Amino acid sequence: MAELATIARPYAEALFKAGGDAAVAEQLSALAAVAADARLLQFAANPKVDAQQVQELIVGVAKIAPAPSVRNLLAAVIDNGRLAALPEIAAQFHALVNAKSGVSDALVYSAFPIDAAQLAEVKAALEKRFGRKLDAKLSVAPELIGGIRVVVGDEVLDTSVKARLDAMKQALVA
């Protein structure tokens, strides 16, 4: 949805220039998760509800005390009728913070749960493989049968049993 990205970019850049860091990104992500709810968007669209009520509801549900810059961004987004763009704003802001710090997000899919020590080892190996610092998040995907699948930006490293079986199937069919 290019239009949403276009709407979100100036907000994300303005917040980043106002002093964006990882803590602000965390707060913004929490608010964006609440703002993504369809019922909240319906509530915010109600003409009988004012912007202050919407802002208080979002902050209350998120259970955080946002920094002044985040609170001001939330007010601006609500006042301009752009609440639906808040998740995209958070995503673009997170990308700006990562670019500044030289970190990339990595989503590690594993067939089985991995404890923190194993994830740290996997992360170290992946950082060597991808040549940059990674912020790894784990997701269990039993359909992989075994192994892991890693997504870093638009790069994918798939060492799962499912991927190997699919490759063997393609070789046999060809």
C-alpha atoms as a PDB file:
ATOM      1  CA  MET A   1       0.000   0.000   0.000  1.00  0.00           C
ATOM      2  CA  ALA A   2       2.180   2.807  -1.333  1.00  0.00           C
ATOM      3  CA  GLU A   3      -0.266   5.533  -0.349  1.00  0.00           C
ATOM      4  CA  LEU A   4      -0.077   4.612   3.327  1.00  0.00           C
ATOM      5  CA  ALA A   5       3.724   4.549   3.142  1.00  0.00           C
ATOM      6  CA  THR A   6       3.716   7.966   1.509  1.00  0.00           C
ATOM      7  CA  ILE A   7       1.464   9.358   4.242  1.00  0.00           C
ATOM      8  CA  ALA A   8       3.561   7.794   7.008  1.00  0.00           C
ATOM      9  CA  ARG A   9       7.013   8.868   5.825  1.00  0.00           C
ATOM     10  CA  PRO A  10       6.889  12.560   6.851  1.00  0.00           C
ATOM     11  CA  TYR A  11       5.591  11.671  10.322  1.00  0.00           C
ATOM     12  CA  ALA A  12       8.295   9.034  10.855  1.00  0.00           C
ATOM     13  CA  GLU A  13      11.041  11.348   9.611  1.00  0.00           C
ATOM     14  CA  ALA A  14       9.829  14.244  11.780  1.00  0.00           C
ATOM     15  CA  LEU A  15       9.820  12.070  14.891  1.00  0.00           C
ATOM     16  CA  PHE A  16      13.254  10.728  14.005  1.00  0.00           C
ATOM     17  CA  LYS A  17      14.645  14.253  13.591  1.00  0.00           C
ATOM     18  CA  ALA A  18      13.066  15.235  16.918  1.00  0.00           C
ATOM     19  CA  GLY A  19      15.289  12.720  18.667  1.00  0.00           C
ATOM     20  CA  GLY A  20      14.275   9.223  17.778  1.00  0.00           C
ATOM     21  CA  ASP A  21      15.909   6.298  19.532  1.00  0.00           C
ATOM     22  CA  ALA A  22      15.099   2.696  20.436  1.00  0.00           C
ATOM     23  CA  ALA A  23      13.027   3.712  23.470  1.00  0.00           C
ATOM     24  CA  VAL A  24      10.865   6.012  21.344  1.00  0.00           C
ATOM     25  CA  ALA A  25      10.523   3.235  18.751  1.00  0.00           C
ATOM     26  CA  GLU A  26       9.292   0.876  21.457  1.00  0.00           C
ATOM     27  CA  GLN A  27       6.703   3.386  22.677  1.00  0.00           C
ATOM     28  CA  LEU A  28       5.550   4.113  19.142  1.00  0.00           C
ATOM     29  CA  SER A  29       5.226   0.400  18.384  1.00  0.00           C
ATOM     30  CA  ALA A  30       3.063  -0.095  21.480  1.00  0.00           C
ATOM     31  CA  LEU A  31       0.762   2.755  20.435  1.00  0.00           C
ATOM     32  CA  ALA A  32       0.658   1.488  16.839  1.00  0.00           C
ATOM     33  CA  ALA A  33      -0.392  -1.976  18.001  1.00  0.00           C
ATOM     34  CA  VAL A  34      -3.370  -0.436  19.772  1.00  0.00           C
ATOM     35  CA  ALA A  35      -4.178   1.882  16.862  1.00  0.00           C
ATOM     36  CA  ALA A  36      -4.261  -1.059  14.451  1.00  0.00           C
ATOM     37  CA  ASP A  37      -7.437  -2.399  16.084  1.00  0.00           C
ATOM     38  CA  ALA A  38     -10.498  -1.946  13.854  1.00  0.00           C
ATOM     39  CA  ARG A  39     -12.754  -1.150  16.824  1.00  0.00           C
ATOM     40  CA  LEU A  40     -10.464   1.672  17.922  1.00  0.00           C
ATOM     41  CA  LEU A  41     -10.424   3.124  14.399  1.00  0.00           C
ATOM     42  CA  GLN A  42     -14.221   2.963  14.366  1.00  0.00           C
ATOM     43  CA  PHE A  43     -14.331   4.718  17.750  1.00  0.00           C
ATOM     44  CA  ALA A  44     -11.926   7.409  16.522  1.00  0.00           C
ATOM     45  CA  ALA A  45     -14.060   8.007  13.423  1.00  0.00           C
ATOM     46  CA  ASN A  46     -17.109   8.766  15.551  1.00  0.00           C
ATOM     47  CA  PRO A  47     -17.859  12.508  15.230  1.00  0.00           C
ATOM     48  CA  LYS A  48     -19.032  12.647  18.870  1.00  0.00           C
ATOM     49  CA  VAL A  49     -15.563  11.650  20.096  1.00  0.00           C
ATOM     50  CA  ASP A  50     -12.873  14.311  20.335  1.00  0.00           C
ATOM     51  CA  ALA A  51      -9.162  13.860  19.646  1.00  0.00           C
ATOM     52  CA  GLN A  52      -8.213  14.056  23.339  1.00  0.00           C
ATOM     53  CA  GLN A  53     -10.497  11.111  24.169  1.00  0.00           C
ATOM     54  CA  VAL A  54      -8.965   9.012  21.392  1.00  0.00           C
ATOM     55  CA  GLN A  55      -5.445   9.876  22.524  1.00  0.00           C
ATOM     56  CA  GLU A  56      -6.217   9.031  26.166  1.00  0.00           C
ATOM     57  CA  LEU A  57      -7.803   5.730  25.145  1.00  0.00           C
ATOM     58  CA  ILE A  58      -4.808   4.680  23.033  1.00  0.00           C
ATOM     59  CA  VAL A  59      -2.281   5.614  25.729  1.00  0.00           C
ATOM     60  CA  GLY A  60      -4.406   3.933  28.398  1.00  0.00           C
ATOM     61  CA  VAL A  61      -4.773   0.672  26.493  1.00  0.00           C
ATOM     62  CA  ALA A  62      -1.062   0.634  25.619  1.00  0.00           C
ATOM     63  CA  LYS A  63      -0.282   1.122  29.328  1.00  0.00           C
ATOM     64  CA  ILE A  64       2.727   3.353  28.703  1.00  0.00           C
ATOM     65  CA  ALA A  65       3.769   6.886  29.520  1.00  0.00           C
ATOM     66  CA  PRO A  66       4.932   8.110  26.104  1.00  0.00           C
ATOM     67  CA  ALA A  67       7.696  10.631  25.673  1.00  0.00           C
ATOM     68  CA  PRO A  68       6.523  14.158  24.803  1.00  0.00           C
ATOM     69  CA  SER A  69       7.619  13.727  21.180  1.00  0.00           C
ATOM     70  CA  VAL A  70       5.579  10.525  20.854  1.00  0.00           C
ATOM     71  CA  ARG A  71       2.566  12.124  22.526  1.00  0.00           C
ATOM     72  CA  ASN A  72       2.827  15.105  20.139  1.00  0.00           C
ATOM     73  CA  LEU A  73       3.086  12.769  17.133  1.00  0.00           C
ATOM     74  CA  LEU A  74       0.023  10.842  18.299  1.00  0.00           C
ATOM     75  CA  ALA A  75      -1.922  14.099  18.696  1.00  0.00           C
ATOM     76  CA  ALA A  76      -0.894  15.256  15.216  1.00  0.00           C
ATOM     77  CA  VAL A  77      -1.833  11.929  13.653  1.00  0.00           C
ATOM     78  CA  ILE A  78      -5.261  11.956  15.319  1.00  0.00           C
ATOM     79  CA  ASP A  79      -5.900  15.627  14.499  1.00  0.00           C
ATOM     80  CA  ASN A  80      -5.065  15.028  10.847  1.00  0.00           C
ATOM     81  CA  GLY A  81      -7.237  11.918  10.586  1.00  0.00           C
ATOM     82  CA  ARG A  82      -4.236   9.656   9.942  1.00  0.00           C
ATOM     83  CA  LEU A  83      -4.644   7.206  12.826  1.00  0.00           C
ATOM     84  CA  ALA A  84      -4.824   4.261  10.404  1.00  0.00           C
ATOM     85  CA  ALA A  85      -1.290   5.152   9.265  1.00  0.00           C
ATOM     86  CA  LEU A  86       0.210   4.837  12.757  1.00  0.00           C
ATOM     87  CA  PRO A  87       1.392   1.214  12.302  1.00  0.00           C
ATOM     88  CA  GLU A  88       3.178   2.188   9.082  1.00  0.00           C
ATOM     89  CA  ILE A  89       4.654   5.253  10.796  1.00  0.00           C
ATOM     90  CA  ALA A  90       6.015   2.972  13.525  1.00  0.00           C
ATOM     91  CA  ALA A  91       7.473   0.577  10.952  1.00  0.00           C
ATOM     92  CA  GLN A  92       9.203   3.375   9.022  1.00  0.00           C
ATOM     93  CA  PHE A  93      10.480   4.973  12.233  1.00  0.00           C
ATOM     94  CA  HIS A  94      11.868   1.609  13.367  1.00  0.00           C
ATOM     95  CA  ALA A  95      13.662   1.277  10.013  1.00  0.00           C
ATOM     96  CA  LEU A  96      15.200   4.749  10.439  1.00  0.00           C
ATOM     97  CA  VAL A  97      16.429   3.915  13.954  1.00  0.00           C
ATOM     98  CA  ASN A  98      17.881   0.614  12.700  1.00  0.00           C
ATOM     99  CA  ALA A  99      19.626   2.334   9.792  1.00  0.00           C
ATOM    100  CA  LYS A 100      21.172   4.871  12.166  1.00  0.00           C
ATOM    101  CA  SER A 101      22.451   2.190  14.526  1.00  0.00           C
ATOM    102  CA  GLY A 102      23.525  -0.208  11.765  1.00  0.00           C
ATOM    103  CA  VAL A 103      21.197  -2.973  12.944  1.00  0.00           C
ATOM    104  CA  SER A 104      18.835  -5.055  10.808  1.00  0.00           C
ATOM    105  CA  ASP A 105      15.788  -6.966  11.977  1.00  0.00           C
ATOM    106  CA  ALA A 106      15.985 -10.727  11.562  1.00  0.00           C
ATOM    107  CA  LEU A 107      13.002 -13.014  11.902  1.00  0.00           C
ATOM    108  CA  VAL A 108      14.120 -16.545  12.727  1.00  0.00           C
ATOM    109  CA  TYR A 109      11.552 -19.265  12.077  1.00  0.00           C
ATOM    110  CA  SER A 110      12.318 -22.540  13.815  1.00  0.00           C
ATOM    111  CA  ALA A 111      10.512 -25.867  13.775  1.00  0.00           C
ATOM    112  CA  PHE A 112      11.012 -26.099  17.545  1.00  0.00           C
ATOM    113  CA  PRO A 113      11.356 -23.585  20.382  1.00  0.00           C
ATOM    114  CA  ILE A 114      14.903 -22.276  20.873  1.00  0.00           C
ATOM    115  CA  ASP A 115      16.124 -21.103  24.273  1.00  0.00           C
ATOM    116  CA  ALA A 116      17.947 -17.790  24.737  1.00  0.00           C
ATOM    117  CA  ALA A 117      21.446 -19.324  24.717  1.00  0.00           C
ATOM    118  CA  GLN A 118      20.812 -21.190  21.461  1.00  0.00           C
ATOM    119  CA  LEU A 119      19.266 -18.085  19.892  1.00  0.00           C
ATOM    120  CA  ALA A 120      22.376 -16.086  20.857  1.00  0.00           C
ATOM    121  CA  GLU A 121      24.567 -18.675  19.086  1.00  0.00           C
ATOM    122  CA  VAL A 122      22.333 -18.622  16.016  1.00  0.00           C
ATOM    123  CA  LYS A 123      22.361 -14.816  16.054  1.00  0.00           C
ATOM    124  CA  ALA A 124      26.174 -14.721  16.181  1.00  0.00           C
ATOM    125  CA  ALA A 125      26.410 -17.103  13.211  1.00  0.00           C
ATOM    126  CA  LEU A 126      23.821 -15.101  11.275  1.00  0.00           C
ATOM    127  CA  GLU A 127      25.644 -11.827  11.946  1.00  0.00           C
ATOM    128  CA  LYS A 128      28.752 -13.353  10.359  1.00  0.00           C
ATOM    129  CA  ARG A 129      26.710 -14.715   7.448  1.00  0.00           C
ATOM    130  CA  PHE A 130      24.862 -11.454   6.717  1.00  0.00           C
ATOM    131  CA  GLY A 131      27.777  -9.173   7.616  1.00  0.00           C
ATOM    132  CA  ARG A 132      25.860  -6.866   9.924  1.00  0.00           C
ATOM    133  CA  LYS A 133      24.459  -6.630  13.428  1.00  0.00           C
ATOM    134  CA  LEU A 134      21.036  -8.242  13.788  1.00  0.00           C
ATOM    135  CA  ASP A 135      18.089  -7.879  16.124  1.00  0.00           C
ATOM    136  CA  ALA A 136      16.745 -11.444  16.039  1.00  0.00           C
ATOM    137  CA  LYS A 137      13.162 -12.354  16.879  1.00  0.00           C
ATOM    138  CA  LEU A 138      12.095 -15.999  17.101  1.00  0.00           C
ATOM    139  CA  SER A 139       8.918 -17.503  15.702  1.00  0.00           C
ATOM    140  CA  VAL A 140       8.068 -21.198  15.956  1.00  0.00           C
ATOM    141  CA  ALA A 141       6.883 -22.707  12.653  1.00  0.00           C
ATOM    142  CA  PRO A 142       6.299 -26.472  13.021  1.00  0.00           C
ATOM    143  CA  GLU A 143       5.660 -26.859   9.268  1.00  0.00           C
ATOM    144  CA  LEU A 144       9.425 -26.489   8.718  1.00  0.00           C
ATOM    145  CA  ILE A 145       9.836 -30.011  10.183  1.00  0.00           C
ATOM    146  CA  GLY A 146      13.407 -29.192  11.273  1.00  0.00           C
ATOM    147  CA  GLY A 147      16.058 -26.499  10.843  1.00  0.00           C
ATOM    148  CA  ILE A 148      15.502 -22.759  10.575  1.00  0.00           C
ATOM    149  CA  ARG A 149      14.410 -20.142   8.078  1.00  0.00           C
ATOM    150  CA  VAL A 150      15.794 -16.618   8.502  1.00  0.00           C
ATOM    151  CA  VAL A 151      14.401 -13.456   6.920  1.00  0.00           C
ATOM    152  CA  VAL A 152      16.553 -10.300   7.041  1.00  0.00           C
ATOM    153  CA  GLY A 153      14.962  -7.535   5.016  1.00  0.00           C
ATOM    154  CA  ASP A 154      14.516  -9.017   1.543  1.00  0.00           C
ATOM    155  CA  GLU A 155      17.122 -11.756   2.087  1.00  0.00           C
ATOM    156  CA  VAL A 156      16.051 -15.279   3.045  1.00  0.00           C
ATOM    157  CA  LEU A 157      18.244 -18.094   4.341  1.00  0.00           C
ATOM    158  CA  ASP A 158      16.285 -21.343   4.429  1.00  0.00           C
ATOM    159  CA  THR A 159      18.023 -24.384   5.913  1.00  0.00           C
ATOM    160  CA  SER A 160      14.820 -26.130   6.915  1.00  0.00           C
ATOM    161  CA  VAL A 161      13.973 -29.752   6.206  1.00  0.00           C
ATOM    162  CA  LYS A 162      10.870 -28.567   4.355  1.00  0.00           C
ATOM    163  CA  ALA A 163      13.005 -26.501   1.960  1.00  0.00           C
ATOM    164  CA  ARG A 164      15.304 -29.459   1.313  1.00  0.00           C
ATOM    165  CA  LEU A 165      12.345 -31.771   0.674  1.00  0.00           C
ATOM    166  CA  ASP A 166      10.855 -29.207  -1.722  1.00  0.00           C
ATOM    167  CA  ALA A 167      14.198 -28.987  -3.565  1.00  0.00           C
ATOM    168  CA  MET A 168      14.376 -32.785  -3.850  1.00  0.00           C
ATOM    169  CA  LYS A 169      10.805 -32.876  -5.130  1.00  0.00           C
ATOM    170  CA  GLN A 170      11.645 -30.297  -7.802  1.00  0.00           C
ATOM    171  CA  ALA A 171      14.721 -32.287  -8.828  1.00  0.00           C
ATOM    172  CA  LEU A 172      12.713 -35.495  -9.137  1.00  0.00           C
ATOM    173  CA  VAL A 173       9.903 -33.872 -11.108  1.00  0.00           C
ATOM    174  CA  ALA A 174      12.246 -32.117 -13.557  1.00  0.00           C
END
